[in-house]
Amino acid sequence: MHWARAQALATALGGTQQAMLDVPASTVTLGEVLEDVIAALDVPIREAGALVEVGALPTVRGDRDALYRVFANLIENAVKYRKADATAPRVVVSASRQGAQWR
């Protein structure tokens, strides 16, 4: 994710750009973060009959708490904001390498 987009997303989720700069980056295994998010959202995921698929994800440098909030917000919104008469939501989280960056 590009730095400007990451800052904009963190700001939109209640963080600030300065707060992001104050947190030292650490090594974060995104697959583990997703496991924690899915466990925390177990009840709403089951109630919606949602399927959350997690593909191979990289280990990155970043703020684990901020990444947790981003994934939790995205998955929670996908489960919560759907048409009532629609089929059960399917959420797919995956990554692919593009040069030196992950998408």
C-alpha atoms as a PDB file:
ATOM      1  CA  MET A   1       0.000   0.000   0.000  1.00  0.00           C
ATOM      2  CA  HIS A   2       1.359   3.407  -0.859  1.00  0.00           C
ATOM      3  CA  TRP A   3       2.254   5.611   2.126  1.00  0.00           C
ATOM      4  CA  ALA A   4      -0.240   8.372   1.227  1.00  0.00           C
ATOM      5  CA  ARG A   5      -3.094   5.865   0.911  1.00  0.00           C
ATOM      6  CA  ALA A   6      -2.123   4.248   4.220  1.00  0.00           C
ATOM      7  CA  GLN A   7      -2.120   7.650   5.926  1.00  0.00           C
ATOM      8  CA  ALA A   8      -5.508   8.548   4.438  1.00  0.00           C
ATOM      9  CA  LEU A   9      -7.009   5.228   5.526  1.00  0.00           C
ATOM     10  CA  ALA A  10      -5.623   5.518   9.063  1.00  0.00           C
ATOM     11  CA  THR A  11      -6.983   9.056   9.329  1.00  0.00           C
ATOM     12  CA  ALA A  12     -10.394   7.918   8.096  1.00  0.00           C
ATOM     13  CA  LEU A  13     -10.422   5.145  10.704  1.00  0.00           C
ATOM     14  CA  GLY A  14      -9.872   7.573  13.560  1.00  0.00           C
ATOM     15  CA  GLY A  15      -6.091   7.788  13.659  1.00  0.00           C
ATOM     16  CA  THR A  16      -3.980  10.745  12.716  1.00  0.00           C
ATOM     17  CA  GLN A  17      -1.018  11.041  10.454  1.00  0.00           C
ATOM     18  CA  GLN A  18       1.099  12.247  13.365  1.00  0.00           C
ATOM     19  CA  ALA A  19       0.062   9.259  15.466  1.00  0.00           C
ATOM     20  CA  MET A  20       1.216   6.981  12.661  1.00  0.00           C
ATOM     21  CA  LEU A  21       4.578   8.701  12.573  1.00  0.00           C
ATOM     22  CA  ASP A  22       5.030   8.344  16.342  1.00  0.00           C
ATOM     23  CA  VAL A  23       4.643   4.548  16.336  1.00  0.00           C
ATOM     24  CA  PRO A  24       7.835   2.695  15.501  1.00  0.00           C
ATOM     25  CA  ALA A  25       7.366   0.133  12.756  1.00  0.00           C
ATOM     26  CA  SER A  26       7.825  -3.480  13.667  1.00  0.00           C
ATOM     27  CA  THR A  27       7.678  -6.744  11.757  1.00  0.00           C
ATOM     28  CA  VAL A  28       4.026  -7.772  11.363  1.00  0.00           C
ATOM     29  CA  THR A  29       2.850 -11.122  10.026  1.00  0.00           C
ATOM     30  CA  LEU A  30      -0.397 -10.201   8.304  1.00  0.00           C
ATOM     31  CA  GLY A  31      -1.729 -13.756   8.393  1.00  0.00           C
ATOM     32  CA  GLU A  32      -1.562 -13.688  12.200  1.00  0.00           C
ATOM     33  CA  VAL A  33      -3.283 -10.302  12.308  1.00  0.00           C
ATOM     34  CA  LEU A  34      -6.109 -11.695  10.146  1.00  0.00           C
ATOM     35  CA  GLU A  35      -6.459 -14.753  12.388  1.00  0.00           C
ATOM     36  CA  ASP A  36      -6.936 -12.432  15.374  1.00  0.00           C
ATOM     37  CA  VAL A  37      -9.456 -10.266  13.500  1.00  0.00           C
ATOM     38  CA  ILE A  38     -11.494 -13.278  12.357  1.00  0.00           C
ATOM     39  CA  ALA A  39     -11.526 -14.694  15.896  1.00  0.00           C
ATOM     40  CA  ALA A  40     -12.688 -11.350  17.313  1.00  0.00           C
ATOM     41  CA  LEU A  41     -15.446 -11.059  14.690  1.00  0.00           C
ATOM     42  CA  ASP A  42     -16.514 -14.692  14.982  1.00  0.00           C
ATOM     43  CA  VAL A  43     -20.068 -13.959  16.140  1.00  0.00           C
ATOM     44  CA  PRO A  44     -21.039 -11.420  13.444  1.00  0.00           C
ATOM     45  CA  ILE A  45     -19.334 -13.535  10.762  1.00  0.00           C
ATOM     46  CA  ARG A  46     -21.297 -16.635  11.817  1.00  0.00           C
ATOM     47  CA  GLU A  47     -24.576 -14.712  12.197  1.00  0.00           C
ATOM     48  CA  ALA A  48     -24.238 -13.369   8.654  1.00  0.00           C
ATOM     49  CA  GLY A  49     -23.279 -16.795   7.322  1.00  0.00           C
ATOM     50  CA  ALA A  50     -20.211 -15.073   5.880  1.00  0.00           C
ATOM     51  CA  LEU A  51     -17.229 -16.837   4.415  1.00  0.00           C
ATOM     52  CA  VAL A  52     -13.846 -15.200   5.026  1.00  0.00           C
ATOM     53  CA  GLU A  53     -11.066 -16.580   2.855  1.00  0.00           C
ATOM     54  CA  VAL A  54      -7.469 -15.660   3.605  1.00  0.00           C
ATOM     55  CA  GLY A  55      -4.807 -16.258   0.988  1.00  0.00           C
ATOM     56  CA  ALA A  56      -1.069 -16.089   1.446  1.00  0.00           C
ATOM     57  CA  LEU A  57      -0.098 -12.815   3.084  1.00  0.00           C
ATOM     58  CA  PRO A  58       3.324 -11.267   3.594  1.00  0.00           C
ATOM     59  CA  THR A  59       5.204 -10.185   6.658  1.00  0.00           C
ATOM     60  CA  VAL A  60       5.578  -6.403   6.525  1.00  0.00           C
ATOM     61  CA  ARG A  61       6.989  -3.521   8.548  1.00  0.00           C
ATOM     62  CA  GLY A  62       4.246  -1.502  10.193  1.00  0.00           C
ATOM     63  CA  ASP A  63       2.075  -0.823  13.214  1.00  0.00           C
ATOM     64  CA  ARG A  64       0.289  -4.044  14.161  1.00  0.00           C
ATOM     65  CA  ASP A  65      -2.543  -2.263  15.976  1.00  0.00           C
ATOM     66  CA  ALA A  66      -3.242   0.025  13.017  1.00  0.00           C
ATOM     67  CA  LEU A  67      -3.195  -2.912  10.589  1.00  0.00           C
ATOM     68  CA  TYR A  68      -5.539  -4.835  12.892  1.00  0.00           C
ATOM     69  CA  ARG A  69      -7.973  -1.882  12.899  1.00  0.00           C
ATOM     70  CA  VAL A  70      -7.874  -1.615   9.099  1.00  0.00           C
ATOM     71  CA  PHE A  71      -8.601  -5.321   8.547  1.00  0.00           C
ATOM     72  CA  ALA A  72     -11.234  -5.413  11.307  1.00  0.00           C
ATOM     73  CA  ASN A  73     -13.017  -2.393   9.868  1.00  0.00           C
ATOM     74  CA  LEU A  74     -12.996  -3.758   6.320  1.00  0.00           C
ATOM     75  CA  ILE A  75     -14.240  -7.217   7.300  1.00  0.00           C
ATOM     76  CA  GLU A  76     -16.821  -5.897   9.750  1.00  0.00           C
ATOM     77  CA  ASN A  77     -18.197  -3.515   7.106  1.00  0.00           C
ATOM     78  CA  ALA A  78     -18.326  -6.261   4.478  1.00  0.00           C
ATOM     79  CA  VAL A  79     -20.354  -8.437   6.859  1.00  0.00           C
ATOM     80  CA  LYS A  80     -22.558  -5.663   8.246  1.00  0.00           C
ATOM     81  CA  TYR A  81     -23.396  -3.554   5.170  1.00  0.00           C
ATOM     82  CA  ARG A  82     -24.966  -5.923   2.694  1.00  0.00           C
ATOM     83  CA  LYS A  83     -28.382  -6.318   1.170  1.00  0.00           C
ATOM     84  CA  ALA A  84     -30.666  -8.137   3.584  1.00  0.00           C
ATOM     85  CA  ASP A  85     -31.928 -10.460   0.847  1.00  0.00           C
ATOM     86  CA  ALA A  86     -28.494 -11.043  -0.678  1.00  0.00           C
ATOM     87  CA  THR A  87     -26.527 -14.246  -0.453  1.00  0.00           C
ATOM     88  CA  ALA A  88     -24.103 -14.658   2.415  1.00  0.00           C
ATOM     89  CA  PRO A  89     -21.100 -12.358   2.130  1.00  0.00           C
ATOM     90  CA  ARG A  90     -17.794 -13.728   0.879  1.00  0.00           C
ATOM     91  CA  VAL A  91     -14.702 -11.796   1.919  1.00  0.00           C
ATOM     92  CA  VAL A  92     -11.371 -12.620   0.284  1.00  0.00           C
ATOM     93  CA  VAL A  93      -8.120 -11.221   1.685  1.00  0.00           C
ATOM     94  CA  SER A  94      -4.990 -11.879  -0.332  1.00  0.00           C
ATOM     95  CA  ALA A  95      -1.810 -10.217  -1.498  1.00  0.00           C
ATOM     96  CA  SER A  96       0.390 -10.298  -4.541  1.00  0.00           C
ATOM     97  CA  ARG A  97       3.904  -9.038  -5.034  1.00  0.00           C
ATOM     98  CA  GLN A  98       4.408  -6.217  -7.542  1.00  0.00           C
ATOM     99  CA  GLY A  99       8.080  -5.436  -7.776  1.00  0.00           C
ATOM    100  CA  ALA A 100       9.265  -4.283  -4.362  1.00  0.00           C
ATOM    101  CA  GLN A 101       5.729  -3.689  -3.082  1.00  0.00           C
ATOM    102  CA  TRP A 102       2.738  -5.773  -2.015  1.00  0.00           C
ATOM    103  CA  ARG A 103      -0.768  -5.202  -3.322  1.00  0.00           C
END
